[in-house]
Protein backbone atom coordinates (compact mmCIF):
# COMPACT_ATOMS: atom_id res chain seq x y z
CA MET A 1 0.00 0.00 0.00
CA ASN A 2 1.33 3.41 -0.94
CA PHE A 3 1.68 5.94 1.89
CA THR A 4 -0.11 9.11 0.76
CA LYS A 5 -0.23 11.30 3.85
CA LEU A 6 1.44 14.69 3.45
CA PRO A 7 3.19 16.67 6.21
CA LEU A 8 1.04 19.28 7.92
CA SER A 9 2.04 22.68 9.25
CA LEU A 10 1.67 23.22 13.01
CA GLU A 11 -1.43 25.29 12.34
CA LYS A 12 -3.03 22.54 10.28
CA GLN A 13 -2.12 19.96 12.92
CA ALA A 14 -4.01 22.01 15.50
CA ASP A 15 -6.93 22.50 13.13
CA LEU A 16 -7.09 18.75 12.49
CA LEU A 17 -7.36 18.04 16.21
CA ILE A 18 -10.07 20.65 16.63
CA SER A 19 -11.99 19.33 13.62
CA ARG A 20 -12.00 15.89 15.23
CA GLY A 21 -13.56 17.23 18.40
CA MET A 22 -10.62 18.04 20.69
CA THR A 23 -11.19 21.21 22.68
CA GLY A 24 -8.53 23.73 23.63
CA GLN A 25 -6.90 27.02 22.72
CA ARG A 26 -5.60 26.83 19.18
CA ASP A 27 -2.58 29.07 19.84
CA LEU A 28 -1.59 26.97 22.84
CA MET A 29 -1.89 23.78 20.78
CA ILE A 30 0.40 25.26 18.12
CA ASP A 31 2.97 26.36 20.70
CA ARG A 32 3.10 22.92 22.30
CA LEU A 33 3.10 21.03 19.00
CA ARG A 34 6.15 23.11 18.14
CA VAL A 35 8.15 21.49 20.96
CA VAL A 36 6.53 18.04 21.19
CA ASN A 37 5.88 16.05 18.03
CA TYR A 38 2.24 15.43 17.06
CA TYR A 39 2.98 11.73 16.75
CA ARG A 40 4.53 11.56 20.22
CA LEU A 41 1.47 13.22 21.75
CA SER A 42 -0.85 10.90 19.86
CA GLY A 43 0.03 8.13 22.29
CA TYR A 44 -1.71 10.13 25.01
CA TRP A 45 -4.86 11.03 23.06
CA PHE A 46 -5.28 7.70 21.27
CA PRO A 47 -7.34 6.17 24.14
CA CYS A 48 -9.82 9.05 23.72
CA GLN A 49 -10.44 8.44 20.02
CA ASN A 50 -13.28 6.64 18.31
CA SER A 51 -12.78 4.24 15.42
CA ASP A 52 -13.22 7.11 12.94
CA ASP A 53 -10.44 9.13 14.67
CA SER A 54 -12.91 11.57 16.20
CA PHE A 55 -12.52 12.36 19.88
CA ARG A 56 -14.97 11.41 22.55
CA PRO A 57 -16.84 14.30 24.20
CA GLY A 58 -14.79 15.98 26.92
CA THR A 59 -11.40 15.35 25.33
CA SER A 60 -9.29 18.47 25.76
CA PHE A 61 -5.76 19.29 24.72
CA GLU A 62 -4.98 20.29 28.31
CA MET A 63 -5.97 16.82 29.48
CA VAL A 64 -3.66 15.25 26.90
CA TRP A 65 -0.84 17.60 27.90
CA ASP A 66 -1.33 16.76 31.58
CA HIS A 67 -0.84 13.08 30.75
CA TYR A 68 2.29 13.90 28.77
CA VAL A 69 3.78 15.98 31.60
CA PHE A 70 2.93 13.29 34.14
CA ASP A 71 4.60 10.65 32.00
CA ARG A 72 7.74 12.74 31.52
CA ARG A 73 8.04 13.25 35.27
CA LEU A 74 7.31 9.58 35.87
CA ARG A 75 10.20 8.59 33.61
CA LEU A 76 12.58 10.76 35.62
CA ILE A 77 11.47 9.16 38.88
CA VAL A 78 11.69 5.67 37.41
CA MET A 79 15.15 6.31 36.01
CA ASP A 80 16.32 7.39 39.45
CA ALA A 81 15.33 3.98 40.80
CA VAL A 82 16.68 2.13 37.78
CA GLU A 83 20.08 3.80 38.20
CA ARG A 84 20.38 2.52 41.77
CA LEU A 85 19.26 -0.97 40.86
CA GLU A 86 21.56 -1.08 37.84
CA VAL A 87 24.63 0.07 39.77
CA PHE A 88 23.88 -2.58 42.41
CA VAL A 89 23.74 -5.33 39.79
CA ARG A 90 26.94 -4.18 38.07
CA THR A 91 28.70 -4.14 41.42
CA GLN A 92 27.47 -7.54 42.53
CA VAL A 93 28.11 -9.53 39.36
CA SER A 94 31.68 -8.29 39.06
CA TYR A 95 32.39 -8.67 42.79
CA HIS A 96 31.20 -12.26 43.09
CA HIS A 97 32.68 -13.38 39.78
CA ALA A 98 36.07 -11.85 40.60
CA LEU A 99 36.18 -13.46 44.04
CA ALA A 100 35.29 -16.84 42.61
CA TYR A 101 37.47 -16.87 39.48
CA GLY A 102 39.84 -13.89 39.41
CA PRO A 103 39.96 -10.69 37.35
CA PHE A 104 40.09 -12.03 33.78
CA ALA A 105 38.40 -15.43 33.84
CA TYR A 106 35.14 -14.01 32.43
CA ALA A 107 36.95 -13.32 29.14
CA LEU A 108 39.16 -16.40 29.07
CA ASP A 109 37.20 -19.33 30.45
CA PRO A 110 33.60 -19.97 29.37
CA GLN A 111 33.30 -22.46 32.23
CA THR A 112 33.08 -19.51 34.61
CA LEU A 113 29.78 -18.61 32.94
CA PRO A 114 28.30 -22.12 32.83
CA ASN A 115 24.75 -21.01 32.13
CA LEU A 116 25.65 -19.51 28.75
CA LEU A 117 25.68 -21.78 25.73
CA PRO A 118 28.89 -21.50 23.65
CA GLU A 119 27.25 -19.29 21.02
CA LYS A 120 25.80 -17.06 23.72
CA TYR A 121 29.16 -16.80 25.44
CA ASN A 122 30.87 -15.86 22.18
CA ASP A 123 28.18 -13.26 21.48
CA PHE A 124 28.65 -11.89 25.01
CA LEU A 125 32.39 -11.41 24.38
CA ARG A 126 31.76 -9.90 20.94
CA ARG A 127 29.38 -7.32 22.37
CA LEU A 128 31.74 -6.55 25.22
CA ARG A 129 34.66 -5.98 22.84
CA GLU A 130 32.48 -3.63 20.77
CA GLU A 131 31.45 -1.74 23.90
CA ALA A 132 35.08 -1.50 25.02
CA SER A 133 36.13 -0.14 21.61
CA ARG A 134 33.46 2.58 21.83
CA SER A 135 34.18 3.49 25.43
CA ARG A 136 35.86 6.81 26.22
CA GLU A 137 36.32 6.08 29.90
CA GLN A 138 39.70 7.31 31.13
CA PHE A 139 40.18 4.31 33.41
CA LEU A 140 39.92 1.98 30.42
CA ALA A 141 42.36 4.04 28.35
CA ALA A 142 44.83 4.02 31.24
CA PHE A 143 44.50 0.25 31.60
CA ILE A 144 45.05 -0.40 27.89
CA LYS A 145 48.05 1.90 27.84
CA LYS A 146 49.70 0.07 30.74
CA TYR A 147 48.53 -3.52 30.28
CA GLY A 148 47.22 -3.72 26.73
CA ASP A 149 50.22 -5.67 25.51
CA LEU A 150 48.92 -8.72 27.39
CA HIS A 151 45.24 -7.97 28.06
CA SER A 152 42.73 -6.99 25.38
CA LEU A 153 39.97 -6.62 27.95
CA PRO A 154 40.12 -5.13 31.45
CA PRO A 155 39.49 -6.94 34.76
CA VAL A 156 35.88 -7.79 35.40
CA TRP A 157 35.29 -4.93 37.85
CA MET A 158 36.24 -2.47 35.10
CA ALA A 159 34.44 -4.41 32.37
CA SER A 160 31.17 -4.28 34.29
CA GLU A 161 31.28 -0.48 34.15
CA ILE A 162 31.56 -0.25 30.37
CA MET A 163 28.99 -2.93 29.53
CA ALA A 164 25.59 -1.93 28.26
CA PHE A 165 23.06 -3.00 30.85
CA GLY A 166 21.72 -5.64 28.48
CA THR A 167 25.22 -7.14 28.45
CA VAL A 168 25.27 -7.07 32.26
CA VAL A 169 22.00 -9.00 32.25
CA THR A 170 23.56 -11.58 29.95
CA PHE A 171 26.52 -11.79 32.33
CA PHE A 172 24.17 -12.48 35.24
CA THR A 173 22.29 -15.07 33.20
CA GLY A 174 25.53 -16.96 32.63
CA LEU A 175 26.65 -17.00 36.26
CA GLN A 176 26.86 -20.16 38.29
CA THR A 177 23.54 -20.71 40.05
CA SER A 178 25.04 -20.42 43.53
CA ILE A 179 26.37 -16.94 42.68
CA LYS A 180 23.01 -15.91 41.24
CA GLN A 181 21.37 -16.95 44.48
CA LYS A 182 23.78 -14.85 46.55
CA ILE A 183 23.02 -11.76 44.48
CA ALA A 184 19.25 -12.31 44.39
CA ALA A 185 19.19 -12.82 48.16
CA ALA A 186 19.93 -9.12 48.65
CA TRP A 187 16.55 -8.38 47.05
CA GLY A 188 14.87 -11.16 48.98
CA VAL A 189 13.65 -13.13 45.96
CA PRO A 190 14.65 -16.39 44.20
CA ASP A 191 17.29 -16.07 41.49
CA ARG A 192 14.78 -17.04 38.79
CA VAL A 193 12.51 -14.15 39.80
CA PHE A 194 15.48 -11.80 40.12
CA GLU A 195 16.67 -12.67 36.62
CA SER A 196 13.26 -11.93 35.13
CA TRP A 197 13.27 -8.60 36.96
CA LEU A 198 16.59 -7.68 35.38
CA HIS A 199 15.09 -8.17 31.92
CA THR A 200 12.14 -5.98 32.92
CA ILE A 201 14.42 -3.28 34.32
CA ASN A 202 16.41 -3.31 31.11
CA SER A 203 13.30 -2.88 28.96
CA ILE A 204 12.01 -0.06 31.18
CA ARG A 205 15.45 1.56 31.09
CA ASN A 206 15.41 1.47 27.29
CA ILE A 207 11.95 3.02 27.14
CA CYS A 208 13.01 5.84 29.45
CA ALA A 209 16.32 6.39 27.65
CA HIS A 210 14.40 6.96 24.41
CA HIS A 211 11.81 9.16 26.15
CA GLY A 212 9.11 6.61 25.41
CA ARG A 213 5.70 6.43 27.02
CA LEU A 214 5.32 4.51 30.28
CA TRP A 215 1.74 5.44 31.05
CA ASN A 216 -0.86 2.99 29.67
CA ARG A 217 1.59 0.81 27.74
CA LYS A 218 2.20 -2.87 28.27
CA LEU A 219 5.69 -3.87 29.37
CA PRO A 220 7.69 -5.46 26.54
CA THR A 221 9.31 -7.81 29.07
CA GLN A 222 7.12 -8.94 31.94
CA PRO A 223 8.58 -9.74 35.38
CA LEU A 224 7.76 -12.89 37.28
CA ILE A 225 5.49 -12.24 40.25
CA PRO A 226 6.66 -14.10 43.38
CA ARG A 227 4.37 -16.87 44.60
CA GLU A 228 1.59 -15.96 46.98
CA ASN A 229 2.40 -18.61 49.58
CA LYS A 230 5.86 -17.11 50.19
CA TYR A 231 5.33 -13.53 49.05
CA PRO A 232 1.77 -12.49 50.01
CA GLN A 233 2.76 -8.83 49.66
CA TRP A 234 2.58 -9.21 45.88
CA HIS A 235 -0.99 -10.45 46.04
CA SER A 236 -2.61 -7.91 48.37
CA PRO A 237 -5.07 -6.26 47.89
CA SER A 238 -4.98 -8.15 44.58
CA PRO A 239 -2.24 -9.86 42.53
CA VAL A 240 0.14 -7.48 40.78
CA ASP A 241 -0.57 -7.52 37.05
CA ASN A 242 2.84 -8.02 35.45
CA ARG A 243 1.77 -6.57 32.11
CA TYR A 244 1.86 -2.91 33.14
CA ILE A 245 4.27 -0.35 34.56
CA TYR A 246 2.72 -0.74 38.02
CA ALA A 247 4.55 -4.06 38.25
CA GLY A 248 7.79 -2.29 37.41
CA LEU A 249 7.10 0.33 40.07
CA CYS A 250 6.44 -2.40 42.63
CA LEU A 251 9.70 -4.04 41.61
CA CYS A 252 11.58 -0.77 42.14
CA LYS A 253 9.98 -0.15 45.52
CA TRP A 254 10.66 -3.70 46.70
CA ALA A 255 14.32 -3.59 45.67
CA LEU A 256 15.00 -0.08 46.99
CA ASP A 257 13.54 -0.99 50.37
CA ARG A 258 16.25 -3.64 50.60
CA ILE A 259 19.33 -1.98 49.09
CA ALA A 260 18.57 1.72 49.77
CA PRO A 261 16.09 1.80 52.68
CA GLN A 262 16.87 5.46 53.32
CA SER A 263 15.51 6.39 49.87
CA ALA A 264 12.52 8.73 49.64
CA TRP A 265 11.74 7.38 46.18
CA SER A 266 8.22 6.15 46.93
CA ALA A 267 7.33 9.50 48.50
CA ARG A 268 8.32 11.24 45.27
CA LEU A 269 6.15 8.85 43.28
CA ARG A 270 3.19 9.42 45.57
CA ALA A 271 3.68 13.18 45.30
CA LEU A 272 3.65 12.98 41.50
CA ILE A 273 0.39 11.03 41.57
CA THR A 274 -1.12 13.56 43.97
CA VAL A 275 -0.39 16.59 41.77
CA HIS A 276 -1.87 14.84 38.72
CA PRO A 277 -5.23 13.65 40.06
CA ALA A 278 -6.78 13.30 36.59
CA ILE A 279 -4.36 10.56 35.54
CA SER A 280 -5.99 7.15 35.17
CA LEU A 281 -3.94 4.85 37.38
CA SER A 282 -5.90 1.83 36.24
CA ASP A 283 -4.41 2.32 32.77
CA MET A 284 -1.01 1.77 34.42
CA GLY A 285 -2.12 -1.42 36.14
CA PHE A 286 -2.67 0.09 39.58
CA PRO A 287 -5.31 -1.96 41.42
CA HIS A 288 -7.99 -0.37 43.57
CA GLY A 289 -6.62 0.17 47.06
CA TRP A 290 -2.98 -0.18 45.98
CA GLU A 291 -1.88 2.15 48.79
CA SER A 292 -2.79 -0.52 51.33
CA SER A 293 -0.52 -3.11 49.70
CA PRO A 294 2.33 -4.17 52.04
CA ILE A 295 4.73 -3.33 49.22
CA TRP A 296 3.76 0.35 49.46
CA SER A 297 2.99 0.60 53.15
CA ARG A 298 6.61 -0.17 54.05
CA THR A 299 8.63 3.02 54.50
């Protein structure tokens, strides 16, 4: 099928929205469409559209903008949590692997990453070498200058700092099960659950890094929800739905309570929700009465 749509001026973009039933000040629409792409904003007004692209009664541009602003602020809060969780994982995988096998075994002996198949291990090293070649970290340059005649890659505690987080997740996946269990224990969950959470954190991180929408979207990688008999907190007042960002927020709160208990992160999230009362939390997977969940009542 041939694509026949033509680009529209900012004025015509605003007029199109108004013609479809969106209310709002035309000049304000134009000003905001100048700084935020029409297509980016469409993710926030799409739920208010009918099948013929018209808007349901009561749909205003200010309402759409409020959702956009909320989502932008939410990404900043989420990235603050993700940074702490990511740094923890980088620290732990390199620490435990180095103690068990030494500084360079990760790059020399695939048996030190027994849970990676040979092709996965080779791909892991290939990605790491590419990441090292792109890195501009001074510590890496200093290492190569001094030791590069014998070592093409740095010791694991340096390597973990130049890996993309997806590569770190692969590193964790390959670890010996007993090491995985030690790391996961700090978050108080089984290693299998912890590993699924790392994949979810990585997908959320990528969404935030590209300024993507968190509100009302389904998670591309869904975390495992711990079993009710051992983790009733995840099932009160109702089971956490792992399809939506609420599950990711629960994951962040749970982990931060254990590795950064002094954090005021959850208070910042609550404050954001309070100043945007029109935001539909159910579209994010929040259950009714979520505030009473043991996950959120812990401070």
